[in-house]
Amino acid sequence: MIDQLANSAAIALLNRMLTRENWACEKLAPYAGRVARFDAAPFAVTLKVRADGTFEAAGSEVAAVTIGVALSSLPLAMFDPQAAMKDVRLTGDAEFAQALAFVLQNLRPEPEEELSRFMGDAVAQRVVGFLRASASQWKQIAESMLDNTAHYVVAENPLVVGRDELTTFGEEVNHLRDAVARAEKRIELLARP
């Protein structure tokens, strides 16, 4: 149910943006019939390219390309598509993936325009401004939580060895190995008649 709702919303939003940009439809049209799957666990959106370069819901077809996106980057994607494309994992048809990534990175979302139809220009500007500010703050909060958790796991309650400690340990092991090798050579020299 949630995947169907996400699919429908993604198709509607992307098709509105694509119809404003003729170049994007022209770029995707040669890939008509191919299926792309976007994974942002726990959500997945599967889209099929139509002959006119827009999207429709894909049936049970196998995806020609799968794009894994970090769920944390999706809120910023509404305002800056390149933000969501910074940390992606691509598998499948490289040519199709490249064309799709180019189109998605260069589409210009205009959330103010979309919202102004329902609530007027001034309110839409303020709502989108608030959402932009809150999205960046949520990202900062998430990054801060990750940093704090990593610090706790490594330093406060050492469940994992830190990078610096691991590097120091490796260097000490190398020095010990070299010292043992030198000692063995000395013993060999002393044992010779």
N, C-alpha and C. Protein backbone atom coordinates (compact mmCIF):
# COMPACT_ATOMS: atom_id res chain seq x y z
N MET A 1 0.82 -1.19 0.00
CA MET A 1 0.00 0.00 0.00
C MET A 1 0.87 1.27 0.00
N ILE A 2 1.89 1.29 0.88
CA ILE A 2 2.76 2.46 0.97
C ILE A 2 3.59 2.59 -0.31
N ASP A 3 4.05 1.44 -0.84
CA ASP A 3 4.83 1.49 -2.08
C ASP A 3 3.98 2.01 -3.24
N GLN A 4 2.71 1.61 -3.30
CA GLN A 4 1.82 2.09 -4.36
C GLN A 4 1.59 3.59 -4.24
N LEU A 5 1.42 4.06 -3.02
CA LEU A 5 1.23 5.50 -2.79
C LEU A 5 2.50 6.26 -3.16
N ALA A 6 3.66 5.74 -2.76
CA ALA A 6 4.93 6.38 -3.11
C ALA A 6 5.14 6.37 -4.62
N ASN A 7 4.79 5.25 -5.27
CA ASN A 7 4.91 5.16 -6.73
C ASN A 7 4.04 6.22 -7.41
N SER A 8 2.79 6.30 -7.00
CA SER A 8 1.86 7.26 -7.62
C SER A 8 2.32 8.69 -7.42
N ALA A 9 2.77 9.01 -6.21
CA ALA A 9 3.23 10.37 -5.92
C ALA A 9 4.49 10.70 -6.73
N ALA A 10 5.42 9.75 -6.80
CA ALA A 10 6.66 9.98 -7.55
C ALA A 10 6.37 10.17 -9.03
N ILE A 11 5.49 9.36 -9.59
CA ILE A 11 5.15 9.47 -11.01
C ILE A 11 4.50 10.82 -11.29
N ALA A 12 3.54 11.21 -10.46
CA ALA A 12 2.86 12.49 -10.68
C ALA A 12 3.85 13.66 -10.58
N LEU A 13 4.69 13.65 -9.57
CA LEU A 13 5.64 14.74 -9.38
C LEU A 13 6.67 14.80 -10.52
N LEU A 14 7.25 13.65 -10.86
CA LEU A 14 8.25 13.62 -11.92
C LEU A 14 7.64 14.00 -13.28
N ASN A 15 6.45 13.52 -13.56
CA ASN A 15 5.82 13.85 -14.84
C ASN A 15 5.50 15.34 -14.94
N ARG A 16 5.10 15.97 -13.84
CA ARG A 16 4.87 17.42 -13.87
C ARG A 16 6.17 18.16 -14.17
N MET A 17 7.26 17.73 -13.54
CA MET A 17 8.54 18.38 -13.80
C MET A 17 9.03 18.10 -15.22
N LEU A 18 8.82 16.88 -15.72
CA LEU A 18 9.27 16.52 -17.06
C LEU A 18 8.52 17.29 -18.13
N THR A 19 7.23 17.50 -17.94
CA THR A 19 6.46 18.22 -18.96
C THR A 19 6.86 19.68 -19.06
N ARG A 20 7.46 20.24 -18.01
CA ARG A 20 7.97 21.62 -18.07
C ARG A 20 9.30 21.69 -18.81
N GLU A 21 9.99 20.56 -18.91
CA GLU A 21 11.34 20.52 -19.51
C GLU A 21 11.33 19.59 -20.72
N ASN A 22 11.17 20.14 -21.91
CA ASN A 22 11.13 19.32 -23.13
C ASN A 22 12.41 18.53 -23.35
N TRP A 23 13.54 19.12 -23.03
CA TRP A 23 14.82 18.44 -23.24
C TRP A 23 14.88 17.15 -22.43
N ALA A 24 14.27 17.13 -21.24
CA ALA A 24 14.31 15.94 -20.38
C ALA A 24 13.51 14.80 -21.00
N CYS A 25 12.32 15.13 -21.52
CA CYS A 25 11.51 14.10 -22.18
C CYS A 25 12.23 13.55 -23.40
N GLU A 26 12.88 14.44 -24.16
CA GLU A 26 13.63 14.00 -25.34
C GLU A 26 14.80 13.09 -24.96
N LYS A 27 15.42 13.37 -23.83
CA LYS A 27 16.56 12.56 -23.36
C LYS A 27 16.11 11.16 -22.93
N LEU A 28 14.91 11.06 -22.34
CA LEU A 28 14.42 9.77 -21.86
C LEU A 28 13.66 8.97 -22.91
N ALA A 29 13.10 9.62 -23.93
CA ALA A 29 12.28 8.94 -24.93
C ALA A 29 12.96 7.74 -25.59
N PRO A 30 14.25 7.79 -25.90
CA PRO A 30 14.88 6.60 -26.52
C PRO A 30 14.88 5.36 -25.62
N TYR A 31 14.61 5.54 -24.34
CA TYR A 31 14.63 4.41 -23.40
C TYR A 31 13.21 3.93 -23.08
N ALA A 32 12.27 4.23 -23.97
CA ALA A 32 10.87 3.84 -23.76
C ALA A 32 10.78 2.34 -23.52
N GLY A 33 9.97 1.98 -22.54
CA GLY A 33 9.77 0.58 -22.19
C GLY A 33 10.71 0.06 -21.13
N ARG A 34 11.76 0.80 -20.83
CA ARG A 34 12.71 0.35 -19.80
C ARG A 34 12.20 0.75 -18.42
N VAL A 35 12.56 -0.05 -17.46
CA VAL A 35 12.08 0.13 -16.09
C VAL A 35 13.24 0.52 -15.19
N ALA A 36 12.98 1.49 -14.33
CA ALA A 36 13.96 1.93 -13.33
C ALA A 36 13.36 1.72 -11.95
N ARG A 37 14.19 1.25 -11.04
CA ARG A 37 13.75 1.04 -9.66
C ARG A 37 14.60 1.92 -8.75
N PHE A 38 13.93 2.70 -7.91
CA PHE A 38 14.60 3.54 -6.94
C PHE A 38 14.38 2.92 -5.57
N ASP A 39 15.47 2.55 -4.91
CA ASP A 39 15.39 1.97 -3.57
C ASP A 39 15.86 2.98 -2.55
N ALA A 40 14.98 3.32 -1.64
CA ALA A 40 15.32 4.15 -0.49
C ALA A 40 14.69 3.43 0.70
N ALA A 41 15.37 2.39 1.16
CA ALA A 41 14.80 1.51 2.18
C ALA A 41 14.16 2.33 3.29
N PRO A 42 12.96 1.99 3.68
CA PRO A 42 12.14 0.82 3.35
C PRO A 42 11.23 1.01 2.15
N PHE A 43 11.39 2.09 1.40
CA PHE A 43 10.53 2.36 0.26
C PHE A 43 11.22 1.99 -1.05
N ALA A 44 10.40 1.64 -2.03
CA ALA A 44 10.91 1.37 -3.38
C ALA A 44 9.90 1.91 -4.38
N VAL A 45 10.40 2.60 -5.39
CA VAL A 45 9.56 3.16 -6.44
C VAL A 45 10.05 2.58 -7.76
N THR A 46 9.12 2.01 -8.54
CA THR A 46 9.47 1.41 -9.81
C THR A 46 8.71 2.15 -10.92
N LEU A 47 9.46 2.68 -11.89
CA LEU A 47 8.90 3.51 -12.95
C LEU A 47 9.27 2.95 -14.31
N LYS A 48 8.37 3.10 -15.26
CA LYS A 48 8.61 2.67 -16.63
C LYS A 48 8.56 3.90 -17.52
N VAL A 49 9.53 4.01 -18.43
CA VAL A 49 9.59 5.16 -19.33
C VAL A 49 8.61 4.94 -20.48
N ARG A 50 7.76 5.96 -20.71
CA ARG A 50 6.82 5.93 -21.84
C ARG A 50 7.52 6.42 -23.10
N ALA A 51 6.86 6.27 -24.23
CA ALA A 51 7.42 6.70 -25.52
C ALA A 51 7.62 8.21 -25.58
N ASP A 52 6.82 8.97 -24.81
CA ASP A 52 6.96 10.43 -24.83
C ASP A 52 8.00 10.94 -23.84
N GLY A 53 8.67 10.03 -23.13
CA GLY A 53 9.72 10.42 -22.20
C GLY A 53 9.25 10.68 -20.79
N THR A 54 7.96 10.44 -20.52
CA THR A 54 7.45 10.58 -19.16
C THR A 54 7.41 9.19 -18.53
N PHE A 55 6.91 9.12 -17.30
CA PHE A 55 6.90 7.85 -16.57
C PHE A 55 5.48 7.32 -16.38
N GLU A 56 5.40 6.01 -16.21
CA GLU A 56 4.17 5.36 -15.81
C GLU A 56 4.53 4.27 -14.82
N ALA A 57 3.53 3.74 -14.14
CA ALA A 57 3.78 2.68 -13.17
C ALA A 57 4.24 1.43 -13.91
N ALA A 58 5.24 0.79 -13.39
CA ALA A 58 5.74 -0.46 -13.99
C ALA A 58 4.98 -1.61 -13.37
N GLY A 59 4.70 -2.58 -14.19
CA GLY A 59 4.04 -3.78 -13.69
C GLY A 59 5.04 -4.67 -12.98
N SER A 60 5.08 -5.90 -13.41
CA SER A 60 6.01 -6.85 -12.80
C SER A 60 7.29 -6.99 -13.60
N GLU A 61 7.55 -6.02 -14.51
CA GLU A 61 8.75 -6.10 -15.33
C GLU A 61 10.01 -5.98 -14.46
N VAL A 62 11.07 -6.59 -14.95
CA VAL A 62 12.36 -6.53 -14.27
C VAL A 62 12.99 -5.17 -14.56
N ALA A 63 13.55 -4.56 -13.55
CA ALA A 63 14.17 -3.24 -13.71
C ALA A 63 15.46 -3.34 -14.51
N ALA A 64 15.60 -2.45 -15.49
CA ALA A 64 16.83 -2.38 -16.27
C ALA A 64 17.94 -1.72 -15.46
N VAL A 65 17.55 -0.86 -14.55
CA VAL A 65 18.51 -0.19 -13.68
C VAL A 65 17.90 -0.04 -12.29
N THR A 66 18.73 -0.23 -11.28
CA THR A 66 18.30 -0.02 -9.90
C THR A 66 19.19 1.06 -9.30
N ILE A 67 18.54 2.05 -8.71
CA ILE A 67 19.26 3.17 -8.11
C ILE A 67 18.94 3.18 -6.62
N GLY A 68 19.98 2.95 -5.82
CA GLY A 68 19.83 2.98 -4.37
C GLY A 68 20.13 4.38 -3.86
N VAL A 69 19.19 4.95 -3.15
CA VAL A 69 19.32 6.32 -2.65
C VAL A 69 19.21 6.28 -1.14
N ALA A 70 20.02 7.08 -0.46
CA ALA A 70 19.93 7.17 1.00
C ALA A 70 18.61 7.86 1.37
N LEU A 71 17.86 7.26 2.27
CA LEU A 71 16.58 7.82 2.69
C LEU A 71 16.75 9.21 3.29
N SER A 72 17.88 9.45 3.95
CA SER A 72 18.11 10.74 4.58
C SER A 72 18.26 11.88 3.57
N SER A 73 18.59 11.56 2.32
CA SER A 73 18.77 12.63 1.33
C SER A 73 17.49 12.98 0.58
N LEU A 74 16.43 12.22 0.80
CA LEU A 74 15.19 12.48 0.06
C LEU A 74 14.51 13.80 0.41
N PRO A 75 14.47 14.25 1.67
CA PRO A 75 13.84 15.54 1.93
C PRO A 75 14.50 16.69 1.18
N LEU A 76 15.82 16.65 1.06
CA LEU A 76 16.52 17.71 0.33
C LEU A 76 16.34 17.59 -1.18
N ALA A 77 15.99 16.39 -1.66
CA ALA A 77 15.82 16.18 -3.09
C ALA A 77 14.68 17.00 -3.66
N MET A 78 13.70 17.33 -2.81
CA MET A 78 12.57 18.14 -3.29
C MET A 78 13.04 19.53 -3.70
N PHE A 79 14.10 20.01 -3.07
CA PHE A 79 14.56 21.36 -3.33
C PHE A 79 15.85 21.39 -4.15
N ASP A 80 16.64 20.33 -4.05
CA ASP A 80 17.91 20.26 -4.75
C ASP A 80 18.15 18.82 -5.21
N PRO A 81 17.77 18.49 -6.45
CA PRO A 81 17.89 17.11 -6.93
C PRO A 81 19.31 16.57 -6.87
N GLN A 82 20.31 17.44 -7.00
CA GLN A 82 21.68 16.97 -6.96
C GLN A 82 22.07 16.48 -5.57
N ALA A 83 21.38 16.95 -4.53
CA ALA A 83 21.66 16.51 -3.17
C ALA A 83 21.37 15.02 -3.02
N ALA A 84 20.29 14.55 -3.63
CA ALA A 84 19.93 13.14 -3.52
C ALA A 84 20.83 12.25 -4.37
N MET A 85 21.44 12.81 -5.40
CA MET A 85 22.25 12.01 -6.32
C MET A 85 23.71 11.92 -5.89
N LYS A 86 24.06 12.52 -4.76
CA LYS A 86 25.46 12.49 -4.32
C LYS A 86 25.86 11.13 -3.78
N ASP A 87 24.96 10.45 -3.12
CA ASP A 87 25.29 9.18 -2.48
C ASP A 87 24.34 8.10 -3.02
N VAL A 88 24.57 7.66 -4.25
CA VAL A 88 23.72 6.65 -4.86
C VAL A 88 24.52 5.42 -5.24
N ARG A 89 23.81 4.31 -5.37
CA ARG A 89 24.39 3.07 -5.84
C ARG A 89 23.63 2.66 -7.10
N LEU A 90 24.33 2.50 -8.20
CA LEU A 90 23.70 2.16 -9.47
C LEU A 90 24.05 0.73 -9.85
N THR A 91 23.05 -0.02 -10.31
CA THR A 91 23.29 -1.34 -10.87
C THR A 91 22.41 -1.50 -12.10
N GLY A 92 22.93 -2.19 -13.09
CA GLY A 92 22.14 -2.43 -14.30
C GLY A 92 22.70 -1.71 -15.50
N ASP A 93 21.81 -1.37 -16.43
CA ASP A 93 22.15 -0.75 -17.71
C ASP A 93 22.80 0.61 -17.48
N ALA A 94 24.10 0.70 -17.74
CA ALA A 94 24.85 1.92 -17.45
C ALA A 94 24.40 3.10 -18.30
N GLU A 95 24.10 2.87 -19.57
CA GLU A 95 23.68 3.97 -20.46
C GLU A 95 22.35 4.56 -20.00
N PHE A 96 21.40 3.69 -19.68
CA PHE A 96 20.10 4.14 -19.19
C PHE A 96 20.25 4.85 -17.84
N ALA A 97 21.08 4.29 -16.97
CA ALA A 97 21.31 4.90 -15.65
C ALA A 97 21.93 6.28 -15.80
N GLN A 98 22.85 6.43 -16.73
CA GLN A 98 23.50 7.72 -16.94
C GLN A 98 22.50 8.75 -17.44
N ALA A 99 21.66 8.37 -18.39
CA ALA A 99 20.66 9.30 -18.92
C ALA A 99 19.66 9.68 -17.84
N LEU A 100 19.23 8.70 -17.07
CA LEU A 100 18.28 8.95 -15.99
C LEU A 100 18.88 9.86 -14.93
N ALA A 101 20.11 9.58 -14.55
CA ALA A 101 20.78 10.41 -13.54
C ALA A 101 20.95 11.85 -14.04
N PHE A 102 21.31 12.01 -15.32
CA PHE A 102 21.47 13.35 -15.88
C PHE A 102 20.16 14.13 -15.82
N VAL A 103 19.08 13.47 -16.22
CA VAL A 103 17.76 14.14 -16.21
C VAL A 103 17.36 14.49 -14.79
N LEU A 104 17.50 13.55 -13.86
CA LEU A 104 17.06 13.81 -12.48
C LEU A 104 17.91 14.88 -11.80
N GLN A 105 19.20 14.95 -12.13
CA GLN A 105 20.06 15.96 -11.53
C GLN A 105 19.77 17.35 -12.08
N ASN A 106 19.30 17.41 -13.31
CA ASN A 106 19.13 18.72 -13.94
C ASN A 106 17.68 19.20 -13.99
N LEU A 107 16.75 18.41 -13.50
CA LEU A 107 15.38 18.90 -13.39
C LEU A 107 15.33 19.96 -12.31
N ARG A 108 14.55 20.97 -12.55
CA ARG A 108 14.44 22.05 -11.57
C ARG A 108 13.08 21.95 -10.89
N PRO A 109 13.05 21.39 -9.68
CA PRO A 109 11.77 21.35 -8.98
C PRO A 109 11.36 22.76 -8.58
N GLU A 110 10.10 23.04 -8.70
CA GLU A 110 9.58 24.35 -8.32
C GLU A 110 8.42 24.14 -7.34
N PRO A 111 8.75 23.78 -6.10
CA PRO A 111 7.68 23.49 -5.13
C PRO A 111 6.81 24.71 -4.85
N GLU A 112 7.39 25.91 -4.95
CA GLU A 112 6.60 27.11 -4.72
C GLU A 112 5.47 27.21 -5.73
N GLU A 113 5.78 26.90 -6.99
CA GLU A 113 4.78 26.97 -8.05
C GLU A 113 3.67 25.95 -7.83
N GLU A 114 4.08 24.73 -7.43
CA GLU A 114 3.10 23.68 -7.19
C GLU A 114 2.16 24.06 -6.05
N LEU A 115 2.73 24.57 -4.97
CA LEU A 115 1.90 24.93 -3.80
C LEU A 115 1.07 26.18 -4.04
N SER A 116 1.54 27.08 -4.89
CA SER A 116 0.82 28.34 -5.09
C SER A 116 -0.54 28.10 -5.73
N ARG A 117 -0.72 26.99 -6.41
CA ARG A 117 -2.04 26.66 -6.98
C ARG A 117 -3.09 26.46 -5.89
N PHE A 118 -2.63 25.97 -4.73
CA PHE A 118 -3.57 25.64 -3.66
C PHE A 118 -3.69 26.72 -2.60
N MET A 119 -2.59 27.46 -2.37
CA MET A 119 -2.62 28.37 -1.23
C MET A 119 -2.14 29.79 -1.53
N GLY A 120 -1.83 30.11 -2.74
CA GLY A 120 -1.39 31.45 -3.07
C GLY A 120 0.13 31.58 -3.03
N ASP A 121 0.63 32.61 -3.73
CA ASP A 121 2.08 32.78 -3.88
C ASP A 121 2.80 33.06 -2.57
N ALA A 122 2.30 33.99 -1.79
CA ALA A 122 3.00 34.40 -0.56
C ALA A 122 3.08 33.26 0.44
N VAL A 123 1.99 32.57 0.63
CA VAL A 123 1.98 31.45 1.58
C VAL A 123 2.87 30.32 1.08
N ALA A 124 2.82 30.06 -0.22
CA ALA A 124 3.66 28.99 -0.78
C ALA A 124 5.13 29.31 -0.58
N GLN A 125 5.53 30.57 -0.78
CA GLN A 125 6.93 30.97 -0.57
C GLN A 125 7.34 30.71 0.88
N ARG A 126 6.48 31.07 1.81
CA ARG A 126 6.82 30.88 3.22
C ARG A 126 6.87 29.41 3.62
N VAL A 127 5.92 28.63 3.13
CA VAL A 127 5.90 27.20 3.46
C VAL A 127 7.15 26.51 2.92
N VAL A 128 7.50 26.80 1.68
CA VAL A 128 8.68 26.17 1.09
C VAL A 128 9.95 26.65 1.79
N GLY A 129 10.00 27.93 2.15
CA GLY A 129 11.15 28.42 2.91
C GLY A 129 11.29 27.71 4.24
N PHE A 130 10.17 27.52 4.92
CA PHE A 130 10.18 26.79 6.19
C PHE A 130 10.64 25.35 5.98
N LEU A 131 10.12 24.69 4.95
CA LEU A 131 10.50 23.30 4.68
C LEU A 131 11.98 23.18 4.34
N ARG A 132 12.50 24.13 3.57
CA ARG A 132 13.93 24.10 3.24
C ARG A 132 14.77 24.23 4.50
N ALA A 133 14.40 25.17 5.34
CA ALA A 133 15.16 25.38 6.58
C ALA A 133 15.06 24.15 7.48
N SER A 134 13.86 23.59 7.59
CA SER A 134 13.72 22.43 8.48
C SER A 134 14.41 21.20 7.89
N ALA A 135 14.42 21.04 6.57
CA ALA A 135 15.10 19.89 5.97
C ALA A 135 16.60 19.96 6.23
N SER A 136 17.19 21.14 6.11
CA SER A 136 18.62 21.24 6.37
C SER A 136 18.91 21.04 7.85
N GLN A 137 18.01 21.51 8.72
CA GLN A 137 18.22 21.29 10.15
C GLN A 137 18.08 19.82 10.52
N TRP A 138 17.12 19.12 9.90
CA TRP A 138 16.98 17.69 10.17
C TRP A 138 18.21 16.94 9.70
N LYS A 139 18.78 17.36 8.59
CA LYS A 139 20.01 16.71 8.11
C LYS A 139 21.14 16.95 9.10
N GLN A 140 21.26 18.19 9.61
CA GLN A 140 22.30 18.49 10.59
C GLN A 140 22.08 17.67 11.87
N ILE A 141 20.83 17.54 12.29
CA ILE A 141 20.53 16.75 13.49
C ILE A 141 20.92 15.29 13.27
N ALA A 142 20.57 14.74 12.10
CA ALA A 142 20.91 13.35 11.81
C ALA A 142 22.42 13.15 11.78
N GLU A 143 23.15 14.07 11.15
CA GLU A 143 24.62 13.96 11.11
C GLU A 143 25.21 14.06 12.50
N SER A 144 24.67 14.96 13.30
CA SER A 144 25.15 15.12 14.68
C SER A 144 24.90 13.86 15.49
N MET A 145 23.72 13.27 15.31
CA MET A 145 23.41 12.03 16.04
C MET A 145 24.35 10.90 15.62
N LEU A 146 24.63 10.82 14.32
CA LEU A 146 25.56 9.78 13.85
C LEU A 146 26.96 9.99 14.42
N ASP A 147 27.42 11.25 14.42
CA ASP A 147 28.74 11.55 14.99
C ASP A 147 28.79 11.21 16.47
N ASN A 148 27.75 11.60 17.20
CA ASN A 148 27.71 11.32 18.64
C ASN A 148 27.67 9.82 18.92
N THR A 149 26.89 9.09 18.13
CA THR A 149 26.82 7.63 18.31
C THR A 149 28.17 6.99 18.01
N ALA A 150 28.79 7.44 16.95
CA ALA A 150 30.12 6.89 16.61
C ALA A 150 31.12 7.18 17.72
N HIS A 151 31.09 8.40 18.25
CA HIS A 151 31.99 8.76 19.34
C HIS A 151 31.72 7.90 20.56
N TYR A 152 30.46 7.66 20.90
CA TYR A 152 30.10 6.85 22.05
C TYR A 152 30.59 5.41 21.87
N VAL A 153 30.35 4.85 20.69
CA VAL A 153 30.71 3.46 20.43
C VAL A 153 32.22 3.27 20.45
N VAL A 154 32.97 4.29 20.00
CA VAL A 154 34.43 4.16 19.91
C VAL A 154 35.11 4.61 21.20
N ALA A 155 34.66 5.73 21.80
CA ALA A 155 35.40 6.32 22.91
C ALA A 155 34.77 6.06 24.27
N GLU A 156 33.50 6.34 24.42
CA GLU A 156 32.86 6.26 25.73
C GLU A 156 32.65 4.82 26.20
N ASN A 157 32.11 3.99 25.35
CA ASN A 157 31.85 2.60 25.67
C ASN A 157 32.45 1.78 24.53
N PRO A 158 33.76 1.54 24.56
CA PRO A 158 34.45 1.01 23.38
C PRO A 158 33.95 -0.36 22.93
N LEU A 159 33.01 -0.34 22.03
CA LEU A 159 32.52 -1.56 21.41
C LEU A 159 33.27 -1.81 20.11
N VAL A 160 33.83 -0.73 19.55
CA VAL A 160 34.55 -0.80 18.28
C VAL A 160 35.86 -0.05 18.46
N VAL A 161 36.88 -0.52 17.78
CA VAL A 161 38.19 0.14 17.84
C VAL A 161 38.17 1.33 16.89
N GLY A 162 38.70 2.45 17.38
CA GLY A 162 38.77 3.66 16.55
C GLY A 162 39.83 3.54 15.47
N ARG A 163 39.71 4.35 14.44
CA ARG A 163 40.63 4.32 13.30
C ARG A 163 42.06 4.62 13.75
N ASP A 164 42.24 5.64 14.61
CA ASP A 164 43.59 6.00 15.06
C ASP A 164 44.22 4.87 15.87
N GLU A 165 43.43 4.27 16.77
CA GLU A 165 43.95 3.16 17.57
C GLU A 165 44.32 1.97 16.69
N LEU A 166 43.50 1.71 15.69
CA LEU A 166 43.77 0.59 14.79
C LEU A 166 45.05 0.84 13.99
N THR A 167 45.25 2.07 13.53
CA THR A 167 46.47 2.42 12.80
C THR A 167 47.69 2.28 13.70
N THR A 168 47.60 2.77 14.94
CA THR A 168 48.71 2.66 15.90
C THR A 168 49.02 1.19 16.17
N PHE A 169 47.98 0.38 16.37
CA PHE A 169 48.18 -1.05 16.63
C PHE A 169 48.88 -1.71 15.45
N GLY A 170 48.46 -1.39 14.22
CA GLY A 170 49.10 -1.96 13.02
C GLY A 170 50.56 -1.58 12.94
N GLU A 171 50.88 -0.31 13.25
CA GLU A 171 52.27 0.13 13.21
C GLU A 171 53.10 -0.60 14.27
N GLU A 172 52.53 -0.79 15.47
CA GLU A 172 53.24 -1.50 16.54
C GLU A 172 53.49 -2.96 16.16
N VAL A 173 52.50 -3.60 15.50
CA VAL A 173 52.67 -4.98 15.05
C VAL A 173 53.79 -5.05 14.01
N ASN A 174 53.83 -4.08 13.09
CA ASN A 174 54.89 -4.06 12.08
C ASN A 174 56.27 -3.88 12.71
N HIS A 175 56.37 -2.98 13.70
CA HIS A 175 57.65 -2.78 14.40
C HIS A 175 58.06 -4.05 15.14
N LEU A 176 57.13 -4.71 15.79
CA LEU A 176 57.42 -5.95 16.51
C LEU A 176 57.88 -7.04 15.54
N ARG A 177 57.21 -7.17 14.41
CA ARG A 177 57.58 -8.16 13.40
C ARG A 177 59.00 -7.90 12.91
N ASP A 178 59.32 -6.63 12.65
CA ASP A 178 60.67 -6.28 12.18
C ASP A 178 61.71 -6.59 13.26
N ALA A 179 61.39 -6.30 14.53
CA ALA A 179 62.33 -6.57 15.63
C ALA A 179 62.56 -8.07 15.78
N VAL A 180 61.49 -8.87 15.64
CA VAL A 180 61.62 -10.32 15.73
C VAL A 180 62.48 -10.83 14.57
N ALA A 181 62.28 -10.30 13.38
CA ALA A 181 63.09 -10.72 12.22
C ALA A 181 64.55 -10.37 12.44
N ARG A 182 64.85 -9.18 13.00
CA ARG A 182 66.25 -8.81 13.28
C ARG A 182 66.85 -9.73 14.34
N ALA A 183 66.07 -10.04 15.36
CA ALA A 183 66.57 -10.94 16.42
C ALA A 183 66.88 -12.33 15.85
N GLU A 184 66.01 -12.82 14.96
CA GLU A 184 66.25 -14.13 14.34
C GLU A 184 67.55 -14.12 13.54
N LYS A 185 67.81 -13.04 12.82
CA LYS A 185 69.04 -12.92 12.02
C LYS A 185 70.26 -12.91 12.94
N ARG A 186 70.15 -12.20 14.06
CA ARG A 186 71.28 -12.15 15.01
C ARG A 186 71.54 -13.52 15.59
N ILE A 187 70.45 -14.23 15.93
CA ILE A 187 70.61 -15.58 16.49
C ILE A 187 71.26 -16.49 15.44
N GLU A 188 70.84 -16.38 14.21
CA GLU A 188 71.45 -17.18 13.14
C GLU A 188 72.95 -16.89 13.03
N LEU A 189 73.32 -15.60 13.09
CA LEU A 189 74.74 -15.22 12.99
C LEU A 189 75.54 -15.75 14.18
N LEU A 190 74.96 -15.70 15.38
CA LEU A 190 75.65 -16.19 16.56
C LEU A 190 75.76 -17.72 16.57
N ALA A 191 74.79 -18.40 15.95
CA ALA A 191 74.79 -19.86 15.94
C ALA A 191 75.77 -20.42 14.93
N ARG A 192 76.24 -19.65 13.97
CA ARG A 192 77.20 -20.13 12.97
C ARG A 192 78.57 -20.32 13.62
N PRO A 193 79.27 -21.36 13.16
CA PRO A 193 80.62 -21.58 13.74
C PRO A 193 81.65 -20.60 13.22
